Amino acid sequence: MTAVKMLEVITCKKSAQVFLVLFVLAMTFFCVQYIGITPTLVPPAAIPRSMPCPSTKVDWESVKTEEMTPTQVLEYLLWTNRSSCFLAHDFGGAMMKRPSGLDGQKSVCISPVELAPPADKCLVYSVGINDEWSFDDAMADYGCQVYSFDPTMTTGDHNHSSSVHFYNLGLSSRDYTNGNGWRFKTLSSVYDMLKELHGVRDIDYLKMDIEYDEWIVVPDIIRSGMMSKVRQLAVEFHLPVEDTLSQMRRRARIIRSIEQQGMIRFDSKVNPWFYGTFELLGVSGYRGYEIAWYNSKFLLSKKSHQSTQ
């Protein structure tokens, strides 16, 4: 092979390599800019290998929480039980990227009709706003009077709209004011404060996104008996990465205690923007779960009424 031909071959190879590098860079830019793919933030698989897809055949009532493995706890959180609700709609949510999708939407069971928030006369408590009103506004459009709460917002008590009423306070397991001047009340105290406005009635939808405080608020709601007043409940649960196995099992017991109150789960979604490694357990997985339940007493009360007719 002559020196000229060798030079031509080398030049062609370099051109091909340069083209390949430029093509990869262009595709990477396109994915990040327009599709929202970023493998450094979210694992490439929808469910990582350390967190296998939960089996729909598991009878979770028979699985003792004190014997659950870390992976089983994550599977239990993700168990949707969606078939328990004939029709569920997502209300609210803001479009996010990397990955693209809705964040902040809440699942509402619409059918059976006796479980649905009664349109045009429903009552909603929405706790945890962070100035994102899409869920509250959607429930107002549905026909509800919405009472919204968040102690971290700088605005005072006000009417966000004719149907959405904001109070600058948060939920906790006791009534107090913290070092930041943020006011907190129990759910029963909030209800007593507002019952002159909305009357003595059931809370048709209770939504909570309160950044880890759900672990102390939920037990208080159960102890106070307020869970019996809730038609549907939606909570975003947050898992600390420093959890030990006993702490993770205790969180599973808290969620189990909700279901022991007659609350039937009908939806569960991961928060794909909230992922991490539980270093003490050697497990990686999603750390945020949006779970929704309906109160079975509303189904039972209808059957009881029909049996007396």
Protein backbone atom coordinates (compact mmCIF):
# COMPACT_ATOMS: atom_id res chain seq x y z
CA MET A 1 0.00 0.00 0.00
CA THR A 2 1.39 3.36 -1.01
CA ALA A 3 1.85 6.16 1.49
CA VAL A 4 -0.92 8.17 -0.21
CA LYS A 5 -3.46 5.35 0.15
CA MET A 6 -2.48 4.78 3.79
CA LEU A 7 -3.03 8.48 4.47
CA GLU A 8 -6.47 8.30 2.82
CA VAL A 9 -7.47 5.31 5.01
CA ILE A 10 -6.32 7.03 8.20
CA THR A 11 -8.18 10.21 7.24
CA CYS A 12 -11.40 8.23 6.59
CA LYS A 13 -11.14 6.46 9.95
CA LYS A 14 -10.59 9.75 11.79
CA SER A 15 -13.54 11.30 9.96
CA ALA A 16 -15.75 8.37 10.94
CA GLN A 17 -14.64 8.64 14.56
CA VAL A 18 -15.28 12.39 14.61
CA PHE A 19 -18.72 11.85 13.05
CA LEU A 20 -19.58 9.19 15.63
CA VAL A 21 -18.56 11.43 18.54
CA LEU A 22 -20.53 14.36 17.14
CA PHE A 23 -23.57 12.12 16.59
CA VAL A 24 -23.48 10.87 20.21
CA LEU A 25 -23.13 14.42 21.53
CA ALA A 26 -26.03 15.61 19.37
CA MET A 27 -28.29 12.77 20.52
CA THR A 28 -27.35 13.41 24.16
CA PHE A 29 -28.20 17.11 23.80
CA PHE A 30 -31.53 16.24 22.15
CA CYS A 31 -32.49 13.78 24.91
CA VAL A 32 -31.63 16.18 27.72
CA GLN A 33 -33.10 19.28 26.11
CA TYR A 34 -36.31 17.93 24.59
CA ILE A 35 -37.10 14.58 26.18
CA GLY A 36 -35.82 15.22 29.67
CA ILE A 37 -33.66 12.10 29.94
CA THR A 38 -30.83 12.44 32.44
CA PRO A 39 -29.39 9.17 33.72
CA THR A 40 -27.54 10.86 36.57
CA LEU A 41 -30.80 11.81 38.34
CA VAL A 42 -33.02 8.77 37.84
CA PRO A 43 -32.06 5.12 37.29
CA PRO A 44 -32.43 4.05 33.63
CA ALA A 45 -34.86 1.27 34.50
CA ALA A 46 -38.33 2.13 35.70
CA ILE A 47 -37.83 -0.19 38.67
CA PRO A 48 -34.22 -0.80 39.74
CA ARG A 49 -32.90 -4.33 40.17
CA SER A 50 -32.75 -3.93 43.94
CA MET A 51 -36.49 -3.15 43.95
CA PRO A 52 -38.31 -5.78 41.86
CA CYS A 53 -41.84 -5.24 40.64
CA PRO A 54 -44.28 -6.14 43.43
CA SER A 55 -46.38 -9.23 42.90
CA THR A 56 -50.13 -8.70 42.75
CA LYS A 57 -50.54 -12.17 44.28
CA VAL A 58 -49.07 -11.17 47.64
CA ASP A 59 -51.64 -11.17 50.45
CA TRP A 60 -50.18 -8.23 52.35
CA GLU A 61 -52.55 -8.70 55.28
CA SER A 62 -50.86 -12.02 55.99
CA VAL A 63 -47.32 -10.57 55.84
CA LYS A 64 -46.22 -9.50 59.32
CA THR A 65 -44.62 -6.06 59.30
CA GLU A 66 -42.08 -7.11 61.94
CA GLU A 67 -40.79 -9.78 59.52
CA MET A 68 -40.68 -7.66 56.33
CA THR A 69 -37.38 -7.28 54.52
CA PRO A 70 -36.44 -3.79 53.25
CA THR A 71 -37.45 -4.83 49.74
CA GLN A 72 -40.81 -6.08 50.99
CA VAL A 73 -41.47 -2.76 52.73
CA LEU A 74 -40.86 -0.93 49.45
CA GLU A 75 -43.09 -3.41 47.61
CA TYR A 76 -45.82 -2.95 50.22
CA LEU A 77 -45.68 0.82 49.78
CA LEU A 78 -45.97 0.42 46.01
CA TRP A 79 -48.88 -2.06 46.14
CA THR A 80 -51.68 -0.22 44.32
CA ASN A 81 -54.78 -2.38 44.90
CA ARG A 82 -56.26 -0.30 42.07
CA SER A 83 -59.05 -2.81 41.34
CA SER A 84 -60.74 -1.82 44.63
CA CYS A 85 -61.91 1.40 42.92
CA PHE A 86 -63.87 1.11 39.67
CA LEU A 87 -62.77 4.52 38.41
CA ALA A 88 -60.05 6.84 39.76
CA HIS A 89 -59.05 10.22 38.35
CA ASP A 90 -55.92 12.26 39.06
CA PHE A 91 -56.62 15.84 40.12
CA GLY A 92 -54.02 18.59 39.85
CA GLY A 93 -50.29 18.26 39.32
CA ALA A 94 -47.51 20.31 37.74
CA MET A 95 -45.53 19.10 34.74
CA MET A 96 -41.93 18.26 35.62
CA LYS A 97 -38.90 17.22 33.58
CA ARG A 98 -36.00 14.80 33.99
CA PRO A 99 -38.04 12.63 33.93
CA SER A 100 -41.05 14.29 32.36
CA GLY A 101 -44.31 13.76 34.20
CA LEU A 102 -46.82 15.16 36.66
CA ASP A 103 -45.89 15.90 40.24
CA GLY A 104 -48.39 16.73 42.97
CA GLN A 105 -51.43 15.11 41.41
CA LYS A 106 -53.76 13.19 43.75
CA SER A 107 -55.88 10.17 42.90
CA VAL A 108 -59.60 10.49 43.65
CA CYS A 109 -61.94 7.49 43.57
CA ILE A 110 -64.98 8.48 41.51
CA SER A 111 -66.82 5.15 41.37
CA PRO A 112 -68.56 3.51 43.23
CA VAL A 113 -70.51 6.73 43.51
CA GLU A 114 -71.03 6.46 47.27
CA LEU A 115 -67.26 6.74 47.71
CA ALA A 116 -66.82 9.78 45.47
CA PRO A 117 -66.70 13.25 46.98
CA PRO A 118 -70.25 14.50 46.38
CA ALA A 119 -69.97 17.03 43.56
CA ASP A 120 -71.05 20.59 44.37
CA LYS A 121 -71.19 19.92 48.12
CA CYS A 122 -67.89 18.26 49.04
CA LEU A 123 -65.39 19.29 51.71
CA VAL A 124 -61.63 19.04 51.15
CA TYR A 125 -58.73 19.62 53.54
CA SER A 126 -55.49 20.12 51.58
CA VAL A 127 -52.39 20.21 53.78
CA GLY A 128 -49.06 21.19 52.24
CA ILE A 129 -49.33 23.70 49.39
CA ASN A 130 -45.91 25.27 48.76
CA ASP A 131 -47.70 27.81 46.54
CA GLU A 132 -48.75 25.04 44.10
CA TRP A 133 -52.54 25.27 43.86
CA SER A 134 -53.37 22.90 41.00
CA PHE A 135 -54.97 20.20 43.17
CA ASP A 136 -56.92 22.71 45.26
CA ASP A 137 -58.17 24.55 42.19
CA ALA A 138 -59.16 21.29 40.48
CA MET A 139 -61.17 20.16 43.49
CA ALA A 140 -62.84 23.58 43.61
CA ASP A 141 -63.77 23.17 39.94
CA TYR A 142 -65.20 19.74 40.81
CA GLY A 143 -67.51 21.49 43.25
CA CYS A 144 -65.78 21.32 46.63
CA GLN A 145 -65.13 23.86 49.33
CA VAL A 146 -61.38 23.52 49.87
CA TYR A 147 -59.52 24.49 53.04
CA SER A 148 -55.79 24.74 52.34
CA PHE A 149 -53.01 24.77 54.94
CA ASP A 150 -49.29 25.49 54.91
CA PRO A 151 -47.28 27.13 57.73
CA THR A 152 -44.19 27.68 55.56
CA MET A 153 -45.76 30.15 53.13
CA THR A 154 -45.20 33.83 53.82
CA THR A 155 -48.76 34.86 53.01
CA GLY A 156 -51.37 35.09 55.77
CA ASP A 157 -54.84 33.60 55.98
CA HIS A 158 -56.84 34.54 52.89
CA ASN A 159 -59.28 33.33 50.26
CA HIS A 160 -57.30 32.06 47.28
CA SER A 161 -60.63 31.97 45.43
CA SER A 162 -64.31 31.86 46.29
CA SER A 163 -63.99 28.13 46.99
CA VAL A 164 -60.39 27.82 48.23
CA HIS A 165 -59.63 29.18 51.70
CA PHE A 166 -56.03 29.33 52.91
CA TYR A 167 -54.82 29.14 56.52
CA ASN A 168 -51.22 29.70 57.50
CA LEU A 169 -50.81 26.71 59.77
CA GLY A 170 -49.78 23.07 59.54
CA LEU A 171 -50.76 19.68 60.90
CA SER A 172 -48.94 17.98 63.75
CA SER A 173 -49.60 15.63 66.66
CA ARG A 174 -50.10 18.59 69.06
CA ASP A 175 -51.00 22.29 69.01
CA TYR A 176 -47.93 24.53 69.21
CA THR A 177 -45.83 27.23 67.54
CA ASN A 178 -42.26 26.34 66.58
CA GLY A 179 -39.09 28.44 66.67
CA ASN A 180 -39.78 29.82 63.18
CA GLY A 181 -43.14 31.15 64.32
CA TRP A 182 -45.01 28.49 62.33
CA ARG A 183 -48.32 27.41 63.88
CA PHE A 184 -49.33 23.76 64.06
CA LYS A 185 -52.56 22.06 65.14
CA THR A 186 -53.89 18.53 65.27
CA LEU A 187 -56.52 17.56 62.72
CA SER A 188 -59.19 17.48 65.44
CA SER A 189 -58.23 21.03 66.52
CA VAL A 190 -58.37 22.29 62.94
CA TYR A 191 -61.78 20.65 62.49
CA ASP A 192 -63.09 22.25 65.69
CA MET A 193 -61.77 25.62 64.50
CA LEU A 194 -63.54 25.38 61.13
CA LYS A 195 -66.74 23.49 61.87
CA GLU A 196 -68.65 26.73 62.34
CA LEU A 197 -67.77 27.52 58.71
CA HIS A 198 -68.39 24.16 57.05
CA GLY A 199 -70.64 22.50 59.62
CA VAL A 200 -70.33 19.18 61.41
CA ARG A 201 -69.77 16.79 58.52
CA ASP A 202 -67.35 14.33 56.98
CA ILE A 203 -64.12 15.44 55.33
CA ASP A 204 -64.65 14.12 51.82
CA TYR A 205 -60.96 14.28 50.90
CA LEU A 206 -57.96 14.77 53.15
CA LYS A 207 -54.70 15.37 51.29
CA MET A 208 -51.36 15.57 53.09
CA ASP A 209 -47.93 16.37 51.69
CA ILE A 210 -46.11 17.49 54.83
CA GLU A 211 -42.50 16.39 54.36
CA TYR A 212 -41.93 13.57 56.89
CA ASP A 213 -44.42 14.90 59.48
CA GLU A 214 -46.94 12.37 58.14
CA TRP A 215 -45.26 9.77 60.37
CA ILE A 216 -46.42 11.59 63.52
CA VAL A 217 -49.69 13.02 62.15
CA VAL A 218 -51.23 9.76 60.91
CA PRO A 219 -51.02 8.01 64.32
CA ASP A 220 -52.60 11.08 65.96
CA ILE A 221 -55.48 11.07 63.45
CA ILE A 222 -56.12 7.42 64.32
CA ARG A 223 -55.86 7.98 68.10
CA SER A 224 -58.24 10.95 67.98
CA GLY A 225 -60.90 9.05 66.03
CA MET A 226 -60.79 11.58 63.19
CA MET A 227 -60.09 8.86 60.61
CA SER A 228 -63.77 7.86 60.82
CA LYS A 229 -64.67 11.31 59.46
CA VAL A 230 -62.48 10.96 56.36
CA ARG A 231 -64.08 9.64 53.17
CA GLN A 232 -60.83 9.54 51.15
CA LEU A 233 -57.24 10.02 52.27
CA ALA A 234 -54.15 10.78 50.19
CA VAL A 235 -50.69 11.01 51.74
CA GLU A 236 -47.22 11.37 50.29
CA PHE A 237 -44.93 9.27 52.46
CA HIS A 238 -41.22 10.11 52.64
CA LEU A 239 -38.53 7.59 53.60
CA PRO A 240 -35.28 8.85 55.19
CA VAL A 241 -32.14 7.30 53.70
CA GLU A 242 -30.72 6.77 57.21
CA ASP A 243 -33.54 4.41 58.24
CA THR A 244 -32.63 1.18 60.02
CA LEU A 245 -34.62 -1.98 59.36
CA SER A 246 -36.61 -1.53 62.58
CA GLN A 247 -37.46 2.07 61.61
CA MET A 248 -38.57 1.00 58.14
CA ARG A 249 -40.75 -1.75 59.62
CA ARG A 250 -42.28 0.78 62.03
CA ARG A 251 -43.26 2.92 59.05
CA ALA A 252 -44.88 -0.12 57.44
CA ARG A 253 -46.84 -0.65 60.69
CA ILE A 254 -48.12 2.93 60.56
CA ILE A 255 -49.40 2.40 57.03
CA ARG A 256 -50.87 -0.96 58.05
CA SER A 257 -52.67 0.80 60.92
CA ILE A 258 -54.47 3.01 58.37
CA GLU A 259 -55.80 -0.08 56.62
CA GLN A 260 -56.79 -1.63 59.93
CA GLN A 261 -59.13 1.35 60.38
CA GLY A 262 -61.18 0.18 57.40
CA MET A 263 -59.39 2.35 54.86
CA ILE A 264 -59.08 0.54 51.51
CA ARG A 265 -56.10 1.41 49.38
CA PHE A 266 -56.89 2.13 45.73
CA ASP A 267 -53.78 3.85 44.41
CA SER A 268 -50.03 4.07 44.96
CA LYS A 269 -47.42 5.86 42.87
CA VAL A 270 -43.71 6.41 43.33
CA ASN A 271 -42.23 9.89 43.26
CA PRO A 272 -39.64 9.41 40.48
CA TRP A 273 -37.78 12.58 41.51
CA PHE A 274 -37.12 11.20 44.99
CA TYR A 275 -34.74 8.23 44.81
CA GLY A 276 -31.84 7.11 46.95
CA THR A 277 -29.86 4.41 48.69
CA PHE A 278 -30.69 3.22 52.19
CA GLU A 279 -27.05 2.84 53.18
CA LEU A 280 -27.62 0.90 56.40
CA LEU A 281 -29.78 -1.62 54.55
CA GLY A 282 -27.87 -2.02 51.29
CA VAL A 283 -31.01 -1.27 49.24
CA SER A 284 -31.72 1.41 46.67
CA GLY A 285 -35.21 2.53 45.76
CA TYR A 286 -37.78 5.27 45.60
CA ARG A 287 -38.13 7.34 48.76
CA GLY A 288 -41.48 8.99 48.03
CA TYR A 289 -44.86 7.24 47.67
CA GLU A 290 -48.25 8.82 46.93
CA ILE A 291 -50.85 6.49 48.47
CA ALA A 292 -54.64 6.95 48.45
CA TRP A 293 -57.41 5.16 50.38
CA TYR A 294 -61.19 5.31 50.67
CA ASN A 295 -63.15 4.65 53.85
CA SER A 296 -65.05 1.36 53.58
CA LYS A 297 -67.66 2.56 56.09
CA PHE A 298 -69.31 4.53 53.29
CA LEU A 299 -69.83 1.30 51.34
CA LEU A 300 -71.02 -0.54 54.44
CA SER A 301 -73.44 2.24 55.40
CA LYS A 302 -75.09 1.99 51.95
CA LYS A 303 -75.48 -1.79 52.27
CA SER A 304 -76.90 -1.39 55.76
CA HIS A 305 -79.40 1.19 54.50
CA GLN A 306 -80.46 -1.08 51.63
CA SER A 307 -80.96 -4.06 53.96
CA THR A 308 -83.45 -2.09 56.07
CA GLN A 309 -85.60 -1.09 53.12
